[in-house]
Amino acid sequence: MTELARKRPEFRNIHALNDLPTYRLPPAGWVSILHRISGLLMFVLMPFIIWMFDNSITSEISYAKFAAIFTVGCSFVPGWMMKLVVLALIWAYLHHFIAGLRHLYMDVNHAVSKEFGKSSALVTLSLSLGLTVVLGAKLFGLY
């Protein structure tokens, strides 16, 4: 009988300008949103990826031109900007891959709990960002 006496929560319409900036998204929510963004980024930049792959394996001359783009640049785009685009692609691939493995693991093992979702999301974020930093340091010639 106490369950019937409890007042049910009231739901109200949200006001996007007031409520959304103060909403704290959990780590699993960030991973989900970033998974979609990384997939979209890879899809939109697919012609660039194909162009890079084609120029890197066609011949030694095309590879030399391809490598020079990252130091000299290409027409109006400076070399550092090309490196930033490639760095964004590196992050997108790593995040999409690791988040996909996370989802597969959760589907296979039925590991759907709040605690596992939070911990696996934090691992996904830290691994994707950490590996991106390491590969970005290599891309920018720090080692």
N, C-alpha and C. Protein backbone atom coordinates (compact mmCIF):
# COMPACT_ATOMS: atom_id res chain seq x y z
N MET A 1 0.80 -1.19 0.00
CA MET A 1 0.00 0.00 0.00
C MET A 1 0.85 1.27 0.00
N THR A 2 2.07 1.20 0.54
CA THR A 2 2.91 2.40 0.56
C THR A 2 3.34 2.80 -0.84
N GLU A 3 3.41 1.82 -1.74
CA GLU A 3 3.79 2.15 -3.11
C GLU A 3 2.70 2.96 -3.80
N LEU A 4 1.46 2.67 -3.47
CA LEU A 4 0.37 3.43 -4.07
C LEU A 4 0.29 4.85 -3.53
N ALA A 5 0.72 5.01 -2.29
CA ALA A 5 0.63 6.32 -1.66
C ALA A 5 1.77 7.24 -2.11
N ARG A 6 2.85 6.67 -2.65
CA ARG A 6 3.97 7.49 -3.08
C ARG A 6 3.58 8.37 -4.25
N LYS A 7 4.06 9.58 -4.21
CA LYS A 7 3.78 10.50 -5.30
C LYS A 7 4.69 10.18 -6.48
N ARG A 8 4.11 10.08 -7.63
CA ARG A 8 4.88 9.79 -8.84
C ARG A 8 5.64 11.04 -9.27
N PRO A 9 6.81 10.87 -9.88
CA PRO A 9 7.56 12.05 -10.31
C PRO A 9 6.82 12.79 -11.43
N GLU A 10 6.95 14.08 -11.39
CA GLU A 10 6.34 14.90 -12.42
C GLU A 10 7.39 15.22 -13.48
N PHE A 11 6.99 15.08 -14.71
CA PHE A 11 7.88 15.39 -15.81
C PHE A 11 7.43 16.69 -16.45
N ARG A 12 8.38 17.48 -16.80
CA ARG A 12 8.07 18.77 -17.40
C ARG A 12 8.84 18.89 -18.71
N ASN A 13 8.42 19.80 -19.52
CA ASN A 13 9.14 20.06 -20.76
C ASN A 13 10.47 20.73 -20.43
N ILE A 14 11.48 20.36 -21.18
CA ILE A 14 12.77 21.00 -20.94
C ILE A 14 12.86 22.26 -21.78
N HIS A 15 13.61 23.19 -21.28
CA HIS A 15 13.91 24.41 -22.02
C HIS A 15 15.36 24.30 -22.45
N ALA A 16 15.58 24.11 -23.73
CA ALA A 16 16.90 23.78 -24.24
C ALA A 16 17.96 24.80 -23.83
N LEU A 17 17.64 26.07 -23.88
CA LEU A 17 18.65 27.08 -23.56
C LEU A 17 18.97 27.13 -22.08
N ASN A 18 18.03 26.73 -21.23
CA ASN A 18 18.27 26.77 -19.79
C ASN A 18 18.77 25.44 -19.23
N ASP A 19 18.22 24.34 -19.71
CA ASP A 19 18.50 23.04 -19.09
C ASP A 19 19.70 22.31 -19.68
N LEU A 20 19.88 22.38 -20.99
CA LEU A 20 20.95 21.60 -21.61
C LEU A 20 22.36 22.03 -21.21
N PRO A 21 22.66 23.31 -21.04
CA PRO A 21 24.02 23.65 -20.60
C PRO A 21 24.37 23.15 -19.20
N THR A 22 23.36 22.92 -18.37
CA THR A 22 23.64 22.45 -17.01
C THR A 22 23.54 20.93 -16.87
N TYR A 23 23.15 20.25 -17.95
CA TYR A 23 23.00 18.79 -17.88
C TYR A 23 24.36 18.13 -17.92
N ARG A 24 24.61 17.22 -16.99
CA ARG A 24 25.89 16.51 -16.94
C ARG A 24 25.72 15.14 -17.59
N LEU A 25 26.33 14.99 -18.74
CA LEU A 25 26.24 13.74 -19.49
C LEU A 25 27.20 12.72 -18.89
N PRO A 26 26.77 11.49 -18.65
CA PRO A 26 27.66 10.47 -18.09
C PRO A 26 28.72 10.06 -19.14
N PRO A 27 29.81 9.45 -18.70
CA PRO A 27 30.87 9.05 -19.65
C PRO A 27 30.35 8.15 -20.78
N ALA A 28 29.42 7.26 -20.48
CA ALA A 28 28.88 6.39 -21.53
C ALA A 28 28.15 7.21 -22.59
N GLY A 29 27.51 8.29 -22.18
CA GLY A 29 26.85 9.17 -23.14
C GLY A 29 27.84 9.88 -24.03
N TRP A 30 28.96 10.33 -23.44
CA TRP A 30 30.02 10.97 -24.24
C TRP A 30 30.59 9.99 -25.25
N VAL A 31 30.84 8.75 -24.83
CA VAL A 31 31.37 7.74 -25.75
C VAL A 31 30.39 7.49 -26.88
N SER A 32 29.12 7.43 -26.57
CA SER A 32 28.11 7.19 -27.60
C SER A 32 28.07 8.33 -28.62
N ILE A 33 28.06 9.56 -28.14
CA ILE A 33 28.03 10.70 -29.04
C ILE A 33 29.31 10.77 -29.86
N LEU A 34 30.46 10.58 -29.23
CA LEU A 34 31.73 10.62 -29.95
C LEU A 34 31.87 9.46 -30.94
N HIS A 35 31.24 8.33 -30.64
CA HIS A 35 31.24 7.20 -31.58
C HIS A 35 30.53 7.59 -32.87
N ARG A 36 29.43 8.28 -32.74
CA ARG A 36 28.69 8.74 -33.92
C ARG A 36 29.46 9.81 -34.67
N ILE A 37 30.06 10.75 -33.94
CA ILE A 37 30.83 11.81 -34.58
C ILE A 37 32.05 11.24 -35.31
N SER A 38 32.73 10.27 -34.69
CA SER A 38 33.90 9.69 -35.34
C SER A 38 33.51 8.92 -36.59
N GLY A 39 32.39 8.22 -36.56
CA GLY A 39 31.92 7.52 -37.76
C GLY A 39 31.57 8.49 -38.87
N LEU A 40 30.92 9.60 -38.52
CA LEU A 40 30.57 10.62 -39.51
C LEU A 40 31.83 11.26 -40.09
N LEU A 41 32.80 11.54 -39.24
CA LEU A 41 34.06 12.14 -39.70
C LEU A 41 34.79 11.23 -40.68
N MET A 42 34.84 9.94 -40.36
CA MET A 42 35.50 9.01 -41.28
C MET A 42 34.73 8.89 -42.59
N PHE A 43 33.41 8.93 -42.53
CA PHE A 43 32.59 8.83 -43.74
C PHE A 43 32.77 10.06 -44.62
N VAL A 44 32.74 11.24 -44.02
CA VAL A 44 32.87 12.48 -44.78
C VAL A 44 34.26 12.61 -45.40
N LEU A 45 35.28 12.18 -44.68
CA LEU A 45 36.65 12.30 -45.18
C LEU A 45 37.12 11.07 -45.96
N MET A 46 36.20 10.17 -46.32
CA MET A 46 36.58 8.98 -47.08
C MET A 46 37.29 9.31 -48.40
N PRO A 47 36.87 10.32 -49.17
CA PRO A 47 37.64 10.64 -50.39
C PRO A 47 39.08 11.04 -50.08
N PHE A 48 39.29 11.77 -48.99
CA PHE A 48 40.65 12.14 -48.59
C PHE A 48 41.47 10.92 -48.19
N ILE A 49 40.83 9.99 -47.50
CA ILE A 49 41.52 8.76 -47.10
C ILE A 49 41.92 7.95 -48.33
N ILE A 50 41.01 7.83 -49.27
CA ILE A 50 41.30 7.09 -50.50
C ILE A 50 42.41 7.78 -51.29
N TRP A 51 42.36 9.11 -51.36
CA TRP A 51 43.42 9.85 -52.05
C TRP A 51 44.77 9.63 -51.38
N MET A 52 44.81 9.67 -50.05
CA MET A 52 46.08 9.44 -49.34
C MET A 52 46.60 8.04 -49.62
N PHE A 53 45.73 7.04 -49.56
CA PHE A 53 46.15 5.67 -49.80
C PHE A 53 46.65 5.50 -51.22
N ASP A 54 45.94 6.05 -52.19
CA ASP A 54 46.33 5.93 -53.59
C ASP A 54 47.69 6.57 -53.84
N ASN A 55 47.91 7.76 -53.31
CA ASN A 55 49.18 8.44 -53.53
C ASN A 55 50.33 7.81 -52.76
N SER A 56 50.04 7.11 -51.72
CA SER A 56 51.13 6.51 -50.95
C SER A 56 51.62 5.20 -51.54
N ILE A 57 50.82 4.54 -52.39
CA ILE A 57 51.26 3.24 -52.92
C ILE A 57 51.43 3.19 -54.43
N THR A 58 51.10 4.27 -55.15
CA THR A 58 51.16 4.23 -56.61
C THR A 58 52.58 4.10 -57.12
N SER A 59 53.45 5.00 -56.71
CA SER A 59 54.86 4.95 -57.15
C SER A 59 55.71 5.70 -56.15
N GLU A 60 57.01 5.63 -56.35
CA GLU A 60 57.92 6.35 -55.45
C GLU A 60 57.76 7.86 -55.62
N ILE A 61 57.52 8.30 -56.84
CA ILE A 61 57.35 9.73 -57.10
C ILE A 61 56.08 10.24 -56.44
N SER A 62 54.98 9.50 -56.57
CA SER A 62 53.73 9.94 -55.94
C SER A 62 53.84 9.90 -54.41
N TYR A 63 54.61 8.95 -53.88
CA TYR A 63 54.82 8.91 -52.44
C TYR A 63 55.63 10.12 -51.98
N ALA A 64 56.63 10.51 -52.76
CA ALA A 64 57.43 11.69 -52.40
C ALA A 64 56.57 12.95 -52.42
N LYS A 65 55.69 13.08 -53.41
CA LYS A 65 54.77 14.22 -53.46
C LYS A 65 53.82 14.18 -52.26
N PHE A 66 53.35 12.99 -51.96
CA PHE A 66 52.44 12.80 -50.83
C PHE A 66 53.11 13.20 -49.52
N ALA A 67 54.34 12.76 -49.32
CA ALA A 67 55.07 13.09 -48.08
C ALA A 67 55.38 14.58 -48.01
N ALA A 68 55.63 15.21 -49.16
CA ALA A 68 55.94 16.64 -49.17
C ALA A 68 54.73 17.48 -48.78
N ILE A 69 53.55 16.99 -49.00
CA ILE A 69 52.34 17.74 -48.65
C ILE A 69 52.27 18.00 -47.15
N PHE A 70 52.80 17.07 -46.37
CA PHE A 70 52.74 17.23 -44.92
C PHE A 70 53.82 18.17 -44.38
N THR A 71 54.79 18.52 -45.19
CA THR A 71 55.79 19.49 -44.77
C THR A 71 55.59 20.84 -45.44
N VAL A 72 55.34 20.84 -46.75
CA VAL A 72 55.21 22.08 -47.52
C VAL A 72 53.76 22.55 -47.58
N GLY A 73 52.85 21.63 -47.76
CA GLY A 73 51.45 21.96 -47.90
C GLY A 73 50.95 21.66 -49.30
N CYS A 74 49.70 21.96 -49.53
CA CYS A 74 49.07 21.68 -50.81
C CYS A 74 48.23 22.90 -51.21
N SER A 75 48.61 23.58 -52.24
CA SER A 75 48.00 24.81 -52.74
C SER A 75 47.79 25.81 -51.61
N PHE A 76 46.58 26.03 -51.13
CA PHE A 76 46.36 27.04 -50.08
C PHE A 76 46.34 26.45 -48.67
N VAL A 77 46.48 25.13 -48.55
CA VAL A 77 46.43 24.47 -47.24
C VAL A 77 47.86 24.21 -46.76
N PRO A 78 48.25 24.78 -45.61
CA PRO A 78 49.61 24.54 -45.10
C PRO A 78 49.79 23.10 -44.61
N GLY A 79 51.03 22.68 -44.49
CA GLY A 79 51.34 21.32 -44.07
C GLY A 79 50.83 20.98 -42.69
N TRP A 80 50.91 21.92 -41.75
CA TRP A 80 50.44 21.64 -40.39
C TRP A 80 48.94 21.41 -40.36
N MET A 81 48.21 22.06 -41.28
CA MET A 81 46.76 21.85 -41.33
C MET A 81 46.44 20.44 -41.84
N MET A 82 47.23 19.98 -42.81
CA MET A 82 47.05 18.61 -43.30
C MET A 82 47.32 17.61 -42.17
N LYS A 83 48.34 17.90 -41.37
CA LYS A 83 48.65 17.02 -40.24
C LYS A 83 47.52 17.01 -39.22
N LEU A 84 46.88 18.16 -39.01
CA LEU A 84 45.75 18.21 -38.08
C LEU A 84 44.57 17.40 -38.60
N VAL A 85 44.33 17.44 -39.91
CA VAL A 85 43.24 16.65 -40.49
C VAL A 85 43.54 15.16 -40.31
N VAL A 86 44.78 14.78 -40.55
CA VAL A 86 45.18 13.37 -40.38
C VAL A 86 45.09 12.98 -38.90
N LEU A 87 45.45 13.89 -38.01
CA LEU A 87 45.34 13.61 -36.58
C LEU A 87 43.88 13.41 -36.19
N ALA A 88 42.98 14.20 -36.75
CA ALA A 88 41.55 14.01 -36.49
C ALA A 88 41.09 12.66 -37.01
N LEU A 89 41.60 12.25 -38.16
CA LEU A 89 41.25 10.93 -38.69
C LEU A 89 41.81 9.81 -37.82
N ILE A 90 43.00 10.00 -37.30
CA ILE A 90 43.59 9.00 -36.40
C ILE A 90 42.71 8.85 -35.16
N TRP A 91 42.32 9.99 -34.57
CA TRP A 91 41.44 9.92 -33.40
C TRP A 91 40.11 9.25 -33.75
N ALA A 92 39.54 9.64 -34.88
CA ALA A 92 38.24 9.09 -35.27
C ALA A 92 38.32 7.58 -35.42
N TYR A 93 39.36 7.10 -36.09
CA TYR A 93 39.50 5.65 -36.27
C TYR A 93 39.69 4.95 -34.94
N LEU A 94 40.60 5.44 -34.12
CA LEU A 94 40.88 4.79 -32.84
C LEU A 94 39.65 4.79 -31.94
N HIS A 95 38.98 5.94 -31.84
CA HIS A 95 37.82 5.99 -30.97
C HIS A 95 36.70 5.09 -31.49
N HIS A 96 36.46 5.13 -32.78
CA HIS A 96 35.38 4.32 -33.35
C HIS A 96 35.67 2.82 -33.17
N PHE A 97 36.93 2.45 -33.36
CA PHE A 97 37.32 1.04 -33.21
C PHE A 97 37.19 0.57 -31.75
N ILE A 98 37.73 1.36 -30.82
CA ILE A 98 37.70 0.96 -29.41
C ILE A 98 36.26 0.98 -28.87
N ALA A 99 35.49 1.99 -29.24
CA ALA A 99 34.09 2.03 -28.80
C ALA A 99 33.29 0.89 -29.41
N GLY A 100 33.62 0.53 -30.64
CA GLY A 100 32.95 -0.62 -31.27
C GLY A 100 33.27 -1.92 -30.55
N LEU A 101 34.54 -2.08 -30.15
CA LEU A 101 34.91 -3.27 -29.36
C LEU A 101 34.18 -3.29 -28.02
N ARG A 102 34.03 -2.12 -27.43
CA ARG A 102 33.29 -2.01 -26.16
C ARG A 102 31.85 -2.47 -26.35
N HIS A 103 31.21 -2.01 -27.41
CA HIS A 103 29.83 -2.41 -27.67
C HIS A 103 29.72 -3.90 -27.96
N LEU A 104 30.65 -4.43 -28.72
CA LEU A 104 30.63 -5.87 -29.00
C LEU A 104 30.79 -6.68 -27.72
N TYR A 105 31.71 -6.27 -26.86
CA TYR A 105 31.93 -6.97 -25.60
C TYR A 105 30.66 -6.93 -24.74
N MET A 106 30.03 -5.77 -24.69
CA MET A 106 28.81 -5.65 -23.89
C MET A 106 27.69 -6.50 -24.47
N ASP A 107 27.61 -6.60 -25.80
CA ASP A 107 26.57 -7.42 -26.42
C ASP A 107 26.81 -8.91 -26.20
N VAL A 108 28.05 -9.34 -26.31
CA VAL A 108 28.36 -10.77 -26.18
C VAL A 108 28.21 -11.24 -24.74
N ASN A 109 28.69 -10.45 -23.80
CA ASN A 109 28.68 -10.86 -22.40
C ASN A 109 27.48 -10.34 -21.62
N HIS A 110 26.59 -9.64 -22.26
CA HIS A 110 25.42 -9.06 -21.59
C HIS A 110 25.85 -8.23 -20.38
N ALA A 111 26.96 -7.53 -20.53
CA ALA A 111 27.51 -6.72 -19.44
C ALA A 111 26.90 -5.32 -19.49
N VAL A 112 25.63 -5.25 -19.14
CA VAL A 112 24.94 -3.98 -19.18
C VAL A 112 24.60 -3.58 -17.74
N SER A 113 25.49 -2.85 -17.15
CA SER A 113 25.24 -2.31 -15.81
C SER A 113 25.79 -0.90 -15.78
N LYS A 114 25.31 -0.14 -14.85
CA LYS A 114 25.73 1.26 -14.75
C LYS A 114 27.23 1.36 -14.45
N GLU A 115 27.71 0.49 -13.57
CA GLU A 115 29.11 0.53 -13.17
C GLU A 115 30.02 0.15 -14.34
N PHE A 116 29.67 -0.95 -15.04
CA PHE A 116 30.49 -1.38 -16.17
C PHE A 116 30.44 -0.37 -17.30
N GLY A 117 29.27 0.22 -17.53
CA GLY A 117 29.15 1.23 -18.57
C GLY A 117 30.05 2.42 -18.31
N LYS A 118 30.10 2.86 -17.05
CA LYS A 118 30.96 4.00 -16.71
C LYS A 118 32.43 3.65 -16.82
N SER A 119 32.82 2.51 -16.27
CA SER A 119 34.24 2.15 -16.28
C SER A 119 34.73 1.86 -17.70
N SER A 120 33.92 1.15 -18.50
CA SER A 120 34.36 0.86 -19.86
C SER A 120 34.37 2.12 -20.72
N ALA A 121 33.48 3.07 -20.44
CA ALA A 121 33.50 4.33 -21.17
C ALA A 121 34.75 5.13 -20.85
N LEU A 122 35.14 5.15 -19.58
CA LEU A 122 36.36 5.86 -19.21
C LEU A 122 37.60 5.21 -19.82
N VAL A 123 37.61 3.87 -19.88
CA VAL A 123 38.73 3.17 -20.52
C VAL A 123 38.75 3.50 -22.01
N THR A 124 37.60 3.52 -22.65
CA THR A 124 37.52 3.84 -24.07
C THR A 124 38.04 5.24 -24.35
N LEU A 125 37.60 6.20 -23.56
CA LEU A 125 38.05 7.58 -23.76
C LEU A 125 39.54 7.73 -23.52
N SER A 126 40.04 7.12 -22.46
CA SER A 126 41.47 7.26 -22.15
C SER A 126 42.35 6.54 -23.17
N LEU A 127 41.93 5.36 -23.61
CA LEU A 127 42.71 4.64 -24.62
C LEU A 127 42.73 5.38 -25.95
N SER A 128 41.59 5.85 -26.40
CA SER A 128 41.55 6.53 -27.70
C SER A 128 42.34 7.84 -27.65
N LEU A 129 42.20 8.59 -26.58
CA LEU A 129 42.96 9.85 -26.49
C LEU A 129 44.45 9.59 -26.28
N GLY A 130 44.79 8.61 -25.46
CA GLY A 130 46.21 8.30 -25.22
C GLY A 130 46.92 7.82 -26.48
N LEU A 131 46.29 6.91 -27.21
CA LEU A 131 46.89 6.44 -28.44
C LEU A 131 46.96 7.54 -29.50
N THR A 132 45.98 8.43 -29.51
CA THR A 132 46.01 9.56 -30.44
C THR A 132 47.17 10.49 -30.11
N VAL A 133 47.42 10.73 -28.84
CA VAL A 133 48.56 11.57 -28.45
C VAL A 133 49.87 10.93 -28.88
N VAL A 134 50.00 9.63 -28.67
CA VAL A 134 51.24 8.94 -29.05
C VAL A 134 51.45 9.00 -30.56
N LEU A 135 50.41 8.68 -31.34
CA LEU A 135 50.54 8.72 -32.79
C LEU A 135 50.65 10.14 -33.32
N GLY A 136 50.02 11.10 -32.65
CA GLY A 136 50.16 12.50 -33.03
C GLY A 136 51.56 13.00 -32.80
N ALA A 137 52.19 12.57 -31.72
CA ALA A 137 53.59 12.95 -31.48
C ALA A 137 54.49 12.41 -32.58
N LYS A 138 54.22 11.22 -33.05
CA LYS A 138 54.97 10.64 -34.17
C LYS A 138 54.69 11.42 -35.46
N LEU A 139 53.44 11.77 -35.68
CA LEU A 139 53.05 12.51 -36.88
C LEU A 139 53.72 13.88 -36.94
N PHE A 140 53.80 14.55 -35.82
CA PHE A 140 54.42 15.88 -35.77
C PHE A 140 55.93 15.83 -35.55
N GLY A 141 56.52 14.63 -35.55
CA GLY A 141 57.97 14.48 -35.49
C GLY A 141 58.59 14.68 -34.14
N LEU A 142 57.86 14.42 -33.07
CA LEU A 142 58.43 14.59 -31.73
C LEU A 142 59.32 13.41 -31.33
N TYR A 143 59.19 12.29 -32.02
CA TYR A 143 60.10 11.17 -31.79
C TYR A 143 60.28 10.40 -33.05
